[in-house]
Each structure stands twice: as structure tokens, then as C-alpha cells.
Amino acid sequence: MTNKELLYVEDALGHEQYFQTRCNEVANQLQDAELKMCVQQMAQKHQQLFQSFYGLL
């Protein structure tokens, strides 16, 4: 893996971690159960994407 590719993966990891954190924060503030579940699913998807990118290392 080139240095540039490694930097891209590191950047992607940071983004996915940020999105997961934000989704969890927002989900905790939501009152609507259906919307809360949707945002929690988004957080799970970002966790899966994080794991996929991490697996490249």
C-alpha cells in the first residue's frame, strides 16, 4: 500500500468514526422511536464501514 493510499484509509477511518459518534449523539436526543431507530441503524452502518476500512490495514 502506498503512502497516499494509507493516508486515504486513515482519513476514511476518521470520517466513519466521526459519523458514528454523531449518529449516536443524535439518536440519544430523539424522541420519535422510528426516527431514533433509523439513526441508530446509520450508526451501525458507519461502524461496519469503519471495520471494513480498518481491515485494509
PDB file of N, CA and C in Angstrom:
ATOM      1  N   MET A   1       0.846  -1.166   0.000  1.00  0.00           N
ATOM      2  CA  MET A   1       0.000   0.000   0.000  1.00  0.00           C
ATOM      3  C   MET A   1       0.895   1.233   0.000  1.00  0.00           C
ATOM      4  N   THR A   2       0.583   2.154  -0.877  1.00  0.00           N
ATOM      5  CA  THR A   2       1.388   3.372  -0.957  1.00  0.00           C
ATOM      6  C   THR A   2       1.070   4.290   0.217  1.00  0.00           C
ATOM      7  N   ASN A   3       1.953   5.261   0.425  1.00  0.00           N
ATOM      8  CA  ASN A   3       1.747   6.231   1.493  1.00  0.00           C
ATOM      9  C   ASN A   3       0.453   7.013   1.267  1.00  0.00           C
ATOM     10  N   LYS A   4       0.179   7.372   0.029  1.00  0.00           N
ATOM     11  CA  LYS A   4      -1.036   8.126  -0.287  1.00  0.00           C
ATOM     12  C   LYS A   4      -2.290   7.285  -0.005  1.00  0.00           C
ATOM     13  N   GLU A   5      -2.250   6.011  -0.349  1.00  0.00           N
ATOM     14  CA  GLU A   5      -3.382   5.119  -0.075  1.00  0.00           C
ATOM     15  C   GLU A   5      -3.591   4.955   1.431  1.00  0.00           C
ATOM     16  N   LEU A   6      -2.507   4.844   2.165  1.00  0.00           N
ATOM     17  CA  LEU A   6      -2.595   4.727   3.612  1.00  0.00           C
ATOM     18  C   LEU A   6      -3.219   5.977   4.224  1.00  0.00           C
ATOM     19  N   LEU A   7      -2.834   7.132   3.729  1.00  0.00           N
ATOM     20  CA  LEU A   7      -3.419   8.380   4.217  1.00  0.00           C
ATOM     21  C   LEU A   7      -4.914   8.440   3.921  1.00  0.00           C
ATOM     22  N   TYR A   8      -5.319   7.947   2.761  1.00  0.00           N
ATOM     23  CA  TYR A   8      -6.738   7.911   2.417  1.00  0.00           C
ATOM     24  C   TYR A   8      -7.495   7.010   3.384  1.00  0.00           C
ATOM     25  N   VAL A   9      -6.965   5.847   3.678  1.00  0.00           N
ATOM     26  CA  VAL A   9      -7.636   4.915   4.591  1.00  0.00           C
ATOM     27  C   VAL A   9      -7.724   5.521   5.990  1.00  0.00           C
ATOM     28  N   GLU A  10      -6.660   6.149   6.444  1.00  0.00           N
ATOM     29  CA  GLU A  10      -6.671   6.799   7.756  1.00  0.00           C
ATOM     30  C   GLU A  10      -7.722   7.907   7.802  1.00  0.00           C
ATOM     31  N   ASP A  11      -7.833   8.672   6.747  1.00  0.00           N
ATOM     32  CA  ASP A  11      -8.825   9.734   6.657  1.00  0.00           C
ATOM     33  C   ASP A  11     -10.238   9.148   6.678  1.00  0.00           C
ATOM     34  N   ALA A  12     -10.443   8.090   5.929  1.00  0.00           N
ATOM     35  CA  ALA A  12     -11.749   7.437   5.883  1.00  0.00           C
ATOM     36  C   ALA A  12     -12.119   6.877   7.255  1.00  0.00           C
ATOM     37  N   LEU A  13     -11.138   6.314   7.969  1.00  0.00           N
ATOM     38  CA  LEU A  13     -11.388   5.808   9.317  1.00  0.00           C
ATOM     39  C   LEU A  13     -11.877   6.931  10.237  1.00  0.00           C
ATOM     40  N   GLY A  14     -11.215   8.055  10.156  1.00  0.00           N
ATOM     41  CA  GLY A  14     -11.601   9.204  10.976  1.00  0.00           C
ATOM     42  C   GLY A  14     -13.004   9.685  10.662  1.00  0.00           C
ATOM     43  N   HIS A  15     -13.341   9.731   9.388  1.00  0.00           N
ATOM     44  CA  HIS A  15     -14.681  10.168   8.992  1.00  0.00           C
ATOM     45  C   HIS A  15     -15.745   9.207   9.494  1.00  0.00           C
ATOM     46  N   GLU A  16     -15.514   7.933   9.321  1.00  0.00           N
ATOM     47  CA  GLU A  16     -16.502   6.946   9.762  1.00  0.00           C
ATOM     48  C   GLU A  16     -16.674   6.973  11.273  1.00  0.00           C
ATOM     49  N   GLN A  17     -15.600   7.158  11.984  1.00  0.00           N
ATOM     50  CA  GLN A  17     -15.675   7.243  13.440  1.00  0.00           C
ATOM     51  C   GLN A  17     -16.475   8.482  13.855  1.00  0.00           C
ATOM     52  N   TYR A  18     -16.238   9.598  13.182  1.00  0.00           N
ATOM     53  CA  TYR A  18     -16.963  10.838  13.473  1.00  0.00           C
ATOM     54  C   TYR A  18     -18.456  10.660  13.190  1.00  0.00           C
ATOM     55  N   PHE A  19     -18.792  10.098  12.022  1.00  0.00           N
ATOM     56  CA  PHE A  19     -20.198   9.920  11.670  1.00  0.00           C
ATOM     57  C   PHE A  19     -20.906   8.989  12.647  1.00  0.00           C
ATOM     58  N   GLN A  20     -20.231   7.948  13.071  1.00  0.00           N
ATOM     59  CA  GLN A  20     -20.830   7.026  14.032  1.00  0.00           C
ATOM     60  C   GLN A  20     -21.106   7.749  15.355  1.00  0.00           C
ATOM     61  N   THR A  21     -20.144   8.512  15.824  1.00  0.00           N
ATOM     62  CA  THR A  21     -20.302   9.259  17.072  1.00  0.00           C
ATOM     63  C   THR A  21     -21.461  10.236  16.981  1.00  0.00           C
ATOM     64  N   ARG A  22     -21.516  10.976  15.883  1.00  0.00           N
ATOM     65  CA  ARG A  22     -22.593  11.969  15.710  1.00  0.00           C
ATOM     66  C   ARG A  22     -23.957  11.294  15.626  1.00  0.00           C
ATOM     67  N   CYS A  23     -24.049  10.186  14.917  1.00  0.00           N
ATOM     68  CA  CYS A  23     -25.325   9.466  14.822  1.00  0.00           C
ATOM     69  C   CYS A  23     -25.782   9.005  16.204  1.00  0.00           C
ATOM     70  N   ASN A  24     -24.866   8.483  16.990  1.00  0.00           N
ATOM     71  CA  ASN A  24     -25.217   8.034  18.341  1.00  0.00           C
ATOM     72  C   ASN A  24     -25.667   9.196  19.216  1.00  0.00           C
ATOM     73  N   GLU A  25     -24.992  10.330  19.106  1.00  0.00           N
ATOM     74  CA  GLU A  25     -25.366  11.512  19.879  1.00  0.00           C
ATOM     75  C   GLU A  25     -26.766  11.987  19.503  1.00  0.00           C
ATOM     76  N   VAL A  26     -27.031  12.044  18.205  1.00  0.00           N
ATOM     77  CA  VAL A  26     -28.338  12.497  17.728  1.00  0.00           C
ATOM     78  C   VAL A  26     -29.427  11.502  18.131  1.00  0.00           C
ATOM     79  N   ALA A  27     -29.153  10.210  17.994  1.00  0.00           N
ATOM     80  CA  ALA A  27     -30.139   9.186  18.348  1.00  0.00           C
ATOM     81  C   ALA A  27     -30.540   9.311  19.815  1.00  0.00           C
ATOM     82  N   ASN A  28     -29.586   9.627  20.670  1.00  0.00           N
ATOM     83  CA  ASN A  28     -29.882   9.771  22.097  1.00  0.00           C
ATOM     84  C   ASN A  28     -30.768  10.971  22.393  1.00  0.00           C
ATOM     85  N   GLN A  29     -30.833  11.915  21.496  1.00  0.00           N
ATOM     86  CA  GLN A  29     -31.639  13.120  21.700  1.00  0.00           C
ATOM     87  C   GLN A  29     -33.029  13.017  21.079  1.00  0.00           C
ATOM     88  N   LEU A  30     -33.236  12.027  20.244  1.00  0.00           N
ATOM     89  CA  LEU A  30     -34.509  11.912  19.530  1.00  0.00           C
ATOM     90  C   LEU A  30     -35.593  11.294  20.403  1.00  0.00           C
ATOM     91  N   GLN A  31     -36.809  11.792  20.247  1.00  0.00           N
ATOM     92  CA  GLN A  31     -37.968  11.274  20.966  1.00  0.00           C
ATOM     93  C   GLN A  31     -38.754  10.283  20.106  1.00  0.00           C
ATOM     94  N   ASP A  32     -38.794  10.523  18.797  1.00  0.00           N
ATOM     95  CA  ASP A  32     -39.534   9.665  17.875  1.00  0.00           C
ATOM     96  C   ASP A  32     -38.817   8.323  17.739  1.00  0.00           C
ATOM     97  N   ALA A  33     -39.487   7.244  18.120  1.00  0.00           N
ATOM     98  CA  ALA A  33     -38.864   5.915  18.147  1.00  0.00           C
ATOM     99  C   ALA A  33     -38.430   5.443  16.765  1.00  0.00           C
ATOM    100  N   GLU A  34     -39.248   5.697  15.748  1.00  0.00           N
ATOM    101  CA  GLU A  34     -38.921   5.250  14.392  1.00  0.00           C
ATOM    102  C   GLU A  34     -37.698   5.988  13.853  1.00  0.00           C
ATOM    103  N   LEU A  35     -37.674   7.284  14.065  1.00  0.00           N
ATOM    104  CA  LEU A  35     -36.531   8.087  13.609  1.00  0.00           C
ATOM    105  C   LEU A  35     -35.273   7.710  14.390  1.00  0.00           C
ATOM    106  N   LYS A  36     -35.422   7.472  15.686  1.00  0.00           N
ATOM    107  CA  LYS A  36     -34.293   7.068  16.515  1.00  0.00           C
ATOM    108  C   LYS A  36     -33.693   5.756  16.010  1.00  0.00           C
ATOM    109  N   MET A  37     -34.560   4.792  15.659  1.00  0.00           N
ATOM    110  CA  MET A  37     -34.083   3.506  15.159  1.00  0.00           C
ATOM    111  C   MET A  37     -33.339   3.685  13.836  1.00  0.00           C
ATOM    112  N   CYS A  38     -33.844   4.551  12.993  1.00  0.00           N
ATOM    113  CA  CYS A  38     -33.208   4.816  11.702  1.00  0.00           C
ATOM    114  C   CYS A  38     -31.793   5.380  11.905  1.00  0.00           C
ATOM    115  N   VAL A  39     -31.655   6.324  12.809  1.00  0.00           N
ATOM    116  CA  VAL A  39     -30.351   6.936  13.067  1.00  0.00           C
ATOM    117  C   VAL A  39     -29.413   5.931  13.732  1.00  0.00           C
ATOM    118  N   GLN A  40     -29.945   5.076  14.594  1.00  0.00           N
ATOM    119  CA  GLN A  40     -29.117   4.035  15.207  1.00  0.00           C
ATOM    120  C   GLN A  40     -28.611   3.053  14.148  1.00  0.00           C
ATOM    121  N   GLN A  41     -29.443   2.752  13.176  1.00  0.00           N
ATOM    122  CA  GLN A  41     -29.014   1.879  12.073  1.00  0.00           C
ATOM    123  C   GLN A  41     -27.917   2.539  11.256  1.00  0.00           C
ATOM    124  N   MET A  42     -28.022   3.851  11.076  1.00  0.00           N
ATOM    125  CA  MET A  42     -26.968   4.582  10.372  1.00  0.00           C
ATOM    126  C   MET A  42     -25.654   4.490  11.149  1.00  0.00           C
ATOM    127  N   ALA A  43     -25.728   4.597  12.464  1.00  0.00           N
ATOM    128  CA  ALA A  43     -24.528   4.482  13.298  1.00  0.00           C
ATOM    129  C   ALA A  43     -23.906   3.100  13.141  1.00  0.00           C
ATOM    130  N   GLN A  44     -24.745   2.071  13.098  1.00  0.00           N
ATOM    131  CA  GLN A  44     -24.241   0.704  12.909  1.00  0.00           C
ATOM    132  C   GLN A  44     -23.576   0.545  11.545  1.00  0.00           C
ATOM    133  N   LYS A  45     -24.158   1.156  10.531  1.00  0.00           N
ATOM    134  CA  LYS A  45     -23.579   1.084   9.183  1.00  0.00           C
ATOM    135  C   LYS A  45     -22.205   1.749   9.160  1.00  0.00           C
ATOM    136  N   HIS A  46     -22.084   2.880   9.840  1.00  0.00           N
ATOM    137  CA  HIS A  46     -20.783   3.560   9.889  1.00  0.00           C
ATOM    138  C   HIS A  46     -19.768   2.718  10.669  1.00  0.00           C
ATOM    139  N   GLN A  47     -20.228   1.980  11.678  1.00  0.00           N
ATOM    140  CA  GLN A  47     -19.332   1.079  12.397  1.00  0.00           C
ATOM    141  C   GLN A  47     -18.842  -0.032  11.473  1.00  0.00           C
ATOM    142  N   GLN A  48     -19.747  -0.563  10.657  1.00  0.00           N
ATOM    143  CA  GLN A  48     -19.366  -1.606   9.705  1.00  0.00           C
ATOM    144  C   GLN A  48     -18.369  -1.074   8.681  1.00  0.00           C
ATOM    145  N   LEU A  49     -18.608   0.130   8.199  1.00  0.00           N
ATOM    146  CA  LEU A  49     -17.681   0.733   7.242  1.00  0.00           C
ATOM    147  C   LEU A  49     -16.313   0.973   7.880  1.00  0.00           C
ATOM    148  N   PHE A  50     -16.319   1.408   9.139  1.00  0.00           N
ATOM    149  CA  PHE A  50     -15.064   1.595   9.869  1.00  0.00           C
ATOM    150  C   PHE A  50     -14.290   0.278   9.919  1.00  0.00           C
ATOM    151  N   GLN A  51     -14.986  -0.809  10.268  1.00  0.00           N
ATOM    152  CA  GLN A  51     -14.338  -2.112  10.346  1.00  0.00           C
ATOM    153  C   GLN A  51     -13.788  -2.550   8.988  1.00  0.00           C
ATOM    154  N   SER A  52     -14.520  -2.240   7.925  1.00  0.00           N
ATOM    155  CA  SER A  52     -14.054  -2.595   6.582  1.00  0.00           C
ATOM    156  C   SER A  52     -12.777  -1.845   6.227  1.00  0.00           C
ATOM    157  N   PHE A  53     -12.760  -0.540   6.495  1.00  0.00           N
ATOM    158  CA  PHE A  53     -11.556   0.240   6.221  1.00  0.00           C
ATOM    159  C   PHE A  53     -10.413  -0.221   7.102  1.00  0.00           C
ATOM    160  N   TYR A  54     -10.694  -0.505   8.365  1.00  0.00           N
ATOM    161  CA  TYR A  54      -9.655  -0.945   9.303  1.00  0.00           C
ATOM    162  C   TYR A  54      -9.057  -2.268   8.835  1.00  0.00           C
ATOM    163  N   GLY A  55      -9.900  -3.101   8.255  1.00  0.00           N
ATOM    164  CA  GLY A  55      -9.437  -4.377   7.737  1.00  0.00           C
ATOM    165  C   GLY A  55      -8.422  -4.240   6.606  1.00  0.00           C
ATOM    166  N   LEU A  56      -8.426  -3.108   5.942  1.00  0.00           N
ATOM    167  CA  LEU A  56      -7.459  -2.873   4.868  1.00  0.00           C
ATOM    168  C   LEU A  56      -6.047  -2.669   5.409  1.00  0.00           C
ATOM    169  N   LEU A  57      -5.959  -2.298   6.665  1.00  0.00           N
ATOM    170  CA  LEU A  57      -4.644  -2.075   7.261  1.00  0.00           C
ATOM    171  C   LEU A  57      -4.058  -3.392   7.651  1.00  0.00           C
TER     172      LEU A  57
END
